[in-house]
Amino acid sequence: MQREITKMIENMAVSQTEMAKIIAAERHTAVHMAQLVHDIPPHNPGFGGIEELMGNSLAVTKNVAAYLNSLADLEDTLADHLSYLLKEVNIPEGEE
C-alpha cells in the first residue's frame, strides 16, 4: 500500500511539474504581449484604425485572462491532489 501511495505522489509531482511548465510558458507570452502594449507610443500610434486597435487590445486581455485561469486551475489541482494525499495518509484535518 505504501508503494502505491509513493507512486501516486510521484505521478502527481510529474503532472504538477508539467502544468507549471505550461503556465510558465503562458506567463512569458502574457509578459511579452504586455511589454509590446507598453511600448506603443502615446501619440499617433498608427494601428490602421480603431477596429484593429480594439482587436489587439482584446487579444492581450484574452491572453492575460487565460494565464490567470491557468493559475487558478493549477491551484485547484494542487488542492485536489493534496486532499487525496491526506485521505490516503490518514492525517487528521486539525493537524494539516
Protein backbone atom coordinates (compact mmCIF):
# COMPACT_ATOMS: atom_id res chain seq x y z
CA MET A 1 0.00 0.00 0.00
CA GLN A 2 2.84 2.38 0.87
CA ARG A 3 4.43 1.71 -2.52
CA GLU A 4 1.15 2.62 -4.28
CA ILE A 5 0.89 5.87 -2.34
CA THR A 6 4.51 6.73 -3.18
CA LYS A 7 3.88 6.02 -6.87
CA MET A 8 0.73 8.15 -6.80
CA ILE A 9 2.65 11.04 -5.21
CA GLU A 10 5.40 10.72 -7.83
CA ASN A 11 2.83 10.80 -10.65
CA MET A 12 1.14 13.86 -9.14
CA ALA A 13 4.50 15.60 -8.84
CA VAL A 14 5.29 14.94 -12.51
CA SER A 15 1.83 16.14 -13.53
CA GLN A 16 2.14 19.32 -11.49
CA THR A 17 5.61 19.99 -12.86
CA GLU A 18 4.29 19.76 -16.40
CA MET A 19 1.38 22.07 -15.59
CA ALA A 20 3.81 24.55 -14.06
CA LYS A 21 5.90 24.49 -17.26
CA ILE A 22 2.80 25.21 -19.37
CA ILE A 23 1.80 28.07 -17.08
CA ALA A 24 5.34 29.47 -17.19
CA ALA A 25 5.19 29.48 -20.99
CA GLU A 26 1.83 31.27 -20.86
CA ARG A 27 3.27 33.77 -18.40
CA HIS A 28 6.14 34.57 -20.76
CA THR A 29 3.65 35.13 -23.57
CA ALA A 30 1.50 37.40 -21.41
CA VAL A 31 4.52 39.39 -20.23
CA HIS A 32 5.81 39.78 -23.78
CA MET A 33 2.41 40.98 -25.03
CA ALA A 34 2.15 43.42 -22.12
CA GLN A 35 5.61 44.79 -22.95
CA LEU A 36 4.53 45.28 -26.55
CA VAL A 37 1.47 47.21 -25.40
CA HIS A 38 3.63 49.29 -23.05
CA ASP A 39 5.95 50.21 -25.94
CA ILE A 40 3.12 51.70 -28.00
CA PRO A 41 3.71 55.43 -28.45
CA PRO A 42 1.04 57.57 -26.78
CA HIS A 43 0.55 59.84 -29.81
CA ASN A 44 -0.30 58.74 -33.34
CA PRO A 45 0.37 55.03 -32.88
CA GLY A 46 -0.78 54.18 -36.44
CA PHE A 47 -2.68 50.92 -35.93
CA GLY A 48 -4.75 51.16 -39.06
CA GLY A 49 -7.96 52.15 -37.34
CA ILE A 50 -9.84 51.81 -34.12
CA GLU A 51 -11.14 48.34 -35.05
CA GLU A 52 -7.64 46.91 -35.33
CA LEU A 53 -6.59 48.60 -32.10
CA MET A 54 -9.62 47.18 -30.30
CA GLY A 55 -8.89 43.73 -31.71
CA ASN A 56 -5.29 43.83 -30.49
CA SER A 57 -6.37 45.06 -27.05
CA LEU A 58 -8.90 42.24 -26.86
CA ALA A 59 -6.21 39.68 -27.78
CA VAL A 60 -3.94 40.91 -24.98
CA THR A 61 -6.80 40.85 -22.48
CA LYS A 62 -7.76 37.31 -23.50
CA ASN A 63 -4.16 36.16 -23.13
CA VAL A 64 -3.85 37.60 -19.62
CA ALA A 65 -7.22 36.09 -18.65
CA ALA A 66 -6.14 32.68 -19.97
CA TYR A 67 -2.95 32.89 -17.91
CA LEU A 68 -4.88 33.75 -14.76
CA ASN A 69 -7.32 30.90 -15.43
CA SER A 70 -4.37 28.54 -15.78
CA LEU A 71 -3.07 29.64 -12.40
CA ALA A 72 -6.50 29.02 -10.88
CA ASP A 73 -6.64 25.55 -12.49
CA LEU A 74 -3.21 24.73 -11.10
CA GLU A 75 -4.28 25.84 -7.64
CA ASP A 76 -7.43 23.69 -7.84
CA THR A 77 -5.43 20.68 -9.00
CA LEU A 78 -2.87 21.10 -6.24
CA ALA A 79 -5.66 21.32 -3.66
CA ASP A 80 -7.38 18.22 -5.06
CA HIS A 81 -4.15 16.22 -5.05
CA LEU A 82 -3.34 17.32 -1.53
CA SER A 83 -6.78 16.31 -0.28
CA TYR A 84 -6.41 12.85 -1.88
CA LEU A 85 -2.99 12.51 -0.32
CA LEU A 86 -4.24 13.49 3.14
CA LYS A 87 -7.08 10.96 2.88
CA GLU A 88 -4.65 8.20 1.94
CA VAL A 89 -2.15 9.01 4.67
CA ASN A 90 -4.96 9.43 7.25
CA ILE A 91 -3.74 12.69 8.72
CA PRO A 92 -6.47 14.25 10.87
CA GLU A 93 -7.75 17.53 9.43
CA GLY A 94 -6.71 19.55 12.51
CA GLU A 95 -3.03 18.65 12.00
CA GLU A 96 -2.60 19.79 8.38
